[in-house]
Amino acid sequence: STPAWVHNLREVSVAEISKGSWSVTVVPEELGSDERARAWDELCRVWPNFEVYRRRTERVIPVFRLHREPL
């Protein structure tokens, strides 16, 4: 099933990413098929385990681009 974070990003116009005292506000954009395919290939070049993840599921794994919200 689709993870909760995917539903959360689909429902909001802005999101906050934080770790410790650091945080950034972003605007999520779910990528369509062509852009998603290009981004997925790049993700797999950076971290090949993404392909292992893909083989473990029958669903299409969503890919989001997170744009830093302008200050």
N, C-alpha and C. Protein backbone atom coordinates (compact mmCIF):
# COMPACT_ATOMS: atom_id res chain seq x y z
N SER A 1 0.84 -1.19 0.00
CA SER A 1 0.00 0.00 0.00
C SER A 1 0.88 1.25 0.00
N THR A 2 0.29 2.33 -0.40
CA THR A 2 1.03 3.60 -0.48
C THR A 2 1.35 4.12 0.92
N PRO A 3 2.62 4.51 1.16
CA PRO A 3 2.99 5.02 2.48
C PRO A 3 2.26 6.32 2.83
N ALA A 4 2.08 6.55 4.12
CA ALA A 4 1.38 7.74 4.60
C ALA A 4 2.04 9.03 4.13
N TRP A 5 3.39 9.05 4.06
CA TRP A 5 4.06 10.29 3.67
C TRP A 5 3.66 10.72 2.26
N VAL A 6 3.36 9.76 1.38
CA VAL A 6 2.93 10.10 0.02
C VAL A 6 1.58 10.80 0.07
N HIS A 7 0.64 10.23 0.82
CA HIS A 7 -0.67 10.87 0.97
C HIS A 7 -0.51 12.27 1.58
N ASN A 8 0.36 12.38 2.58
CA ASN A 8 0.57 13.68 3.22
C ASN A 8 1.08 14.71 2.23
N LEU A 9 2.09 14.35 1.42
CA LEU A 9 2.62 15.31 0.44
C LEU A 9 1.60 15.67 -0.62
N ARG A 10 0.75 14.73 -0.99
CA ARG A 10 -0.29 15.02 -1.99
C ARG A 10 -1.34 15.98 -1.46
N GLU A 11 -1.51 16.04 -0.16
CA GLU A 11 -2.56 16.85 0.45
C GLU A 11 -2.15 18.28 0.80
N VAL A 12 -0.86 18.56 0.81
CA VAL A 12 -0.41 19.87 1.28
C VAL A 12 0.20 20.69 0.15
N SER A 13 0.19 22.01 0.33
CA SER A 13 0.83 22.88 -0.65
C SER A 13 2.26 23.23 -0.23
N VAL A 14 2.54 23.13 1.07
CA VAL A 14 3.90 23.32 1.59
C VAL A 14 4.15 22.26 2.67
N ALA A 15 5.42 21.95 2.88
CA ALA A 15 5.81 20.99 3.91
C ALA A 15 7.09 21.47 4.56
N GLU A 16 7.37 20.95 5.73
CA GLU A 16 8.60 21.31 6.43
C GLU A 16 9.43 20.06 6.64
N ILE A 17 10.70 20.16 6.31
CA ILE A 17 11.67 19.09 6.55
C ILE A 17 12.54 19.58 7.69
N SER A 18 12.74 18.74 8.69
CA SER A 18 13.58 19.17 9.81
C SER A 18 14.41 18.01 10.34
N LYS A 19 15.56 18.37 10.85
CA LYS A 19 16.44 17.42 11.53
C LYS A 19 17.18 18.22 12.60
N GLY A 20 16.94 17.83 13.83
CA GLY A 20 17.53 18.59 14.93
C GLY A 20 17.03 20.02 14.90
N SER A 21 17.95 20.97 14.93
CA SER A 21 17.57 22.39 14.93
C SER A 21 17.44 22.96 13.51
N TRP A 22 17.77 22.18 12.50
CA TRP A 22 17.70 22.63 11.12
C TRP A 22 16.32 22.33 10.55
N SER A 23 15.78 23.26 9.77
CA SER A 23 14.52 23.00 9.06
C SER A 23 14.46 23.84 7.79
N VAL A 24 13.67 23.37 6.85
CA VAL A 24 13.46 24.10 5.60
C VAL A 24 12.02 23.86 5.16
N THR A 25 11.40 24.88 4.60
CA THR A 25 10.04 24.78 4.08
C THR A 25 10.13 24.53 2.58
N VAL A 26 9.36 23.56 2.09
CA VAL A 26 9.41 23.17 0.69
C VAL A 26 8.01 23.09 0.11
N VAL A 27 7.94 23.18 -1.21
CA VAL A 27 6.71 22.98 -1.95
C VAL A 27 6.87 21.66 -2.70
N PRO A 28 6.06 20.64 -2.38
CA PRO A 28 6.20 19.34 -3.05
C PRO A 28 5.54 19.33 -4.42
N GLU A 29 6.21 18.66 -5.37
CA GLU A 29 5.67 18.48 -6.72
C GLU A 29 5.83 17.01 -7.07
N GLU A 30 4.72 16.32 -7.26
CA GLU A 30 4.79 14.92 -7.68
C GLU A 30 5.10 14.89 -9.17
N LEU A 31 6.09 14.11 -9.54
CA LEU A 31 6.53 14.07 -10.93
C LEU A 31 5.65 13.15 -11.77
N GLY A 32 5.33 13.61 -12.98
CA GLY A 32 4.57 12.80 -13.93
C GLY A 32 5.46 11.74 -14.56
N SER A 33 4.90 10.96 -15.44
CA SER A 33 5.56 9.75 -15.93
C SER A 33 6.94 9.97 -16.55
N ASP A 34 7.08 10.91 -17.48
CA ASP A 34 8.39 11.11 -18.13
C ASP A 34 9.41 11.67 -17.15
N GLU A 35 9.02 12.72 -16.43
CA GLU A 35 9.94 13.30 -15.45
C GLU A 35 10.26 12.31 -14.34
N ARG A 36 9.26 11.55 -13.93
CA ARG A 36 9.47 10.55 -12.89
C ARG A 36 10.48 9.50 -13.34
N ALA A 37 10.35 9.03 -14.58
CA ALA A 37 11.28 8.02 -15.11
C ALA A 37 12.71 8.54 -15.12
N ARG A 38 12.90 9.79 -15.56
CA ARG A 38 14.26 10.37 -15.57
C ARG A 38 14.79 10.52 -14.15
N ALA A 39 13.95 11.00 -13.25
CA ALA A 39 14.38 11.17 -11.86
C ALA A 39 14.68 9.82 -11.22
N TRP A 40 13.84 8.81 -11.51
CA TRP A 40 14.06 7.47 -10.94
C TRP A 40 15.42 6.91 -11.38
N ASP A 41 15.75 7.09 -12.67
CA ASP A 41 17.05 6.63 -13.16
C ASP A 41 18.18 7.31 -12.41
N GLU A 42 18.05 8.60 -12.18
CA GLU A 42 19.08 9.34 -11.44
C GLU A 42 19.16 8.86 -9.99
N LEU A 43 18.01 8.65 -9.36
CA LEU A 43 18.00 8.14 -7.99
C LEU A 43 18.71 6.80 -7.90
N CYS A 44 18.49 5.93 -8.87
CA CYS A 44 19.13 4.61 -8.86
C CYS A 44 20.63 4.70 -9.11
N ARG A 45 21.07 5.71 -9.87
CA ARG A 45 22.52 5.91 -10.04
C ARG A 45 23.16 6.34 -8.73
N VAL A 46 22.45 7.20 -7.98
CA VAL A 46 22.97 7.69 -6.70
C VAL A 46 22.91 6.61 -5.63
N TRP A 47 21.80 5.87 -5.58
CA TRP A 47 21.62 4.84 -4.56
C TRP A 47 20.95 3.64 -5.21
N PRO A 48 21.74 2.65 -5.67
CA PRO A 48 21.18 1.50 -6.40
C PRO A 48 20.12 0.72 -5.63
N ASN A 49 20.06 0.82 -4.32
CA ASN A 49 19.04 0.09 -3.56
C ASN A 49 17.62 0.55 -3.87
N PHE A 50 17.47 1.71 -4.50
CA PHE A 50 16.13 2.12 -4.93
C PHE A 50 15.55 1.08 -5.88
N GLU A 51 16.39 0.50 -6.73
CA GLU A 51 15.91 -0.52 -7.66
C GLU A 51 15.50 -1.79 -6.91
N VAL A 52 16.22 -2.14 -5.86
CA VAL A 52 15.83 -3.27 -5.01
C VAL A 52 14.46 -3.01 -4.41
N TYR A 53 14.25 -1.79 -3.92
CA TYR A 53 12.96 -1.38 -3.36
C TYR A 53 11.85 -1.54 -4.40
N ARG A 54 12.11 -1.09 -5.63
CA ARG A 54 11.10 -1.17 -6.69
C ARG A 54 10.71 -2.61 -6.98
N ARG A 55 11.68 -3.51 -6.98
CA ARG A 55 11.39 -4.92 -7.29
C ARG A 55 10.57 -5.60 -6.20
N ARG A 56 10.52 -5.02 -5.02
CA ARG A 56 9.78 -5.62 -3.91
C ARG A 56 8.30 -5.24 -3.90
N THR A 57 7.87 -4.42 -4.83
CA THR A 57 6.47 -3.98 -4.85
C THR A 57 5.94 -3.98 -6.28
N GLU A 58 4.63 -4.09 -6.40
CA GLU A 58 4.01 -4.02 -7.72
C GLU A 58 3.51 -2.62 -8.04
N ARG A 59 3.47 -1.76 -7.01
CA ARG A 59 2.96 -0.40 -7.23
C ARG A 59 4.05 0.48 -7.82
N VAL A 60 3.63 1.55 -8.47
CA VAL A 60 4.57 2.56 -8.95
C VAL A 60 4.95 3.42 -7.76
N ILE A 61 6.23 3.54 -7.50
CA ILE A 61 6.71 4.33 -6.36
C ILE A 61 6.71 5.80 -6.77
N PRO A 62 5.95 6.64 -6.08
CA PRO A 62 5.91 8.06 -6.43
C PRO A 62 7.26 8.73 -6.19
N VAL A 63 7.54 9.73 -7.02
CA VAL A 63 8.75 10.53 -6.86
C VAL A 63 8.30 11.99 -6.80
N PHE A 64 8.79 12.69 -5.80
CA PHE A 64 8.46 14.10 -5.62
C PHE A 64 9.72 14.95 -5.77
N ARG A 65 9.55 16.13 -6.35
CA ARG A 65 10.60 17.15 -6.33
C ARG A 65 10.18 18.13 -5.26
N LEU A 66 11.09 18.47 -4.38
CA LEU A 66 10.80 19.41 -3.30
C LEU A 66 11.48 20.73 -3.62
N HIS A 67 10.69 21.76 -3.86
CA HIS A 67 11.20 23.08 -4.18
C HIS A 67 11.30 23.88 -2.87
N ARG A 68 12.45 24.47 -2.62
CA ARG A 68 12.57 25.33 -1.45
C ARG A 68 11.63 26.51 -1.60
N GLU A 69 10.85 26.75 -0.56
CA GLU A 69 9.91 27.87 -0.59
C GLU A 69 10.69 29.17 -0.59
N PRO A 70 10.35 30.10 -1.47
CA PRO A 70 11.05 31.40 -1.48
C PRO A 70 10.89 32.11 -0.14
N LEU A 71 11.94 32.78 0.28
CA LEU A 71 11.90 33.52 1.54
C LEU A 71 11.14 34.83 1.38
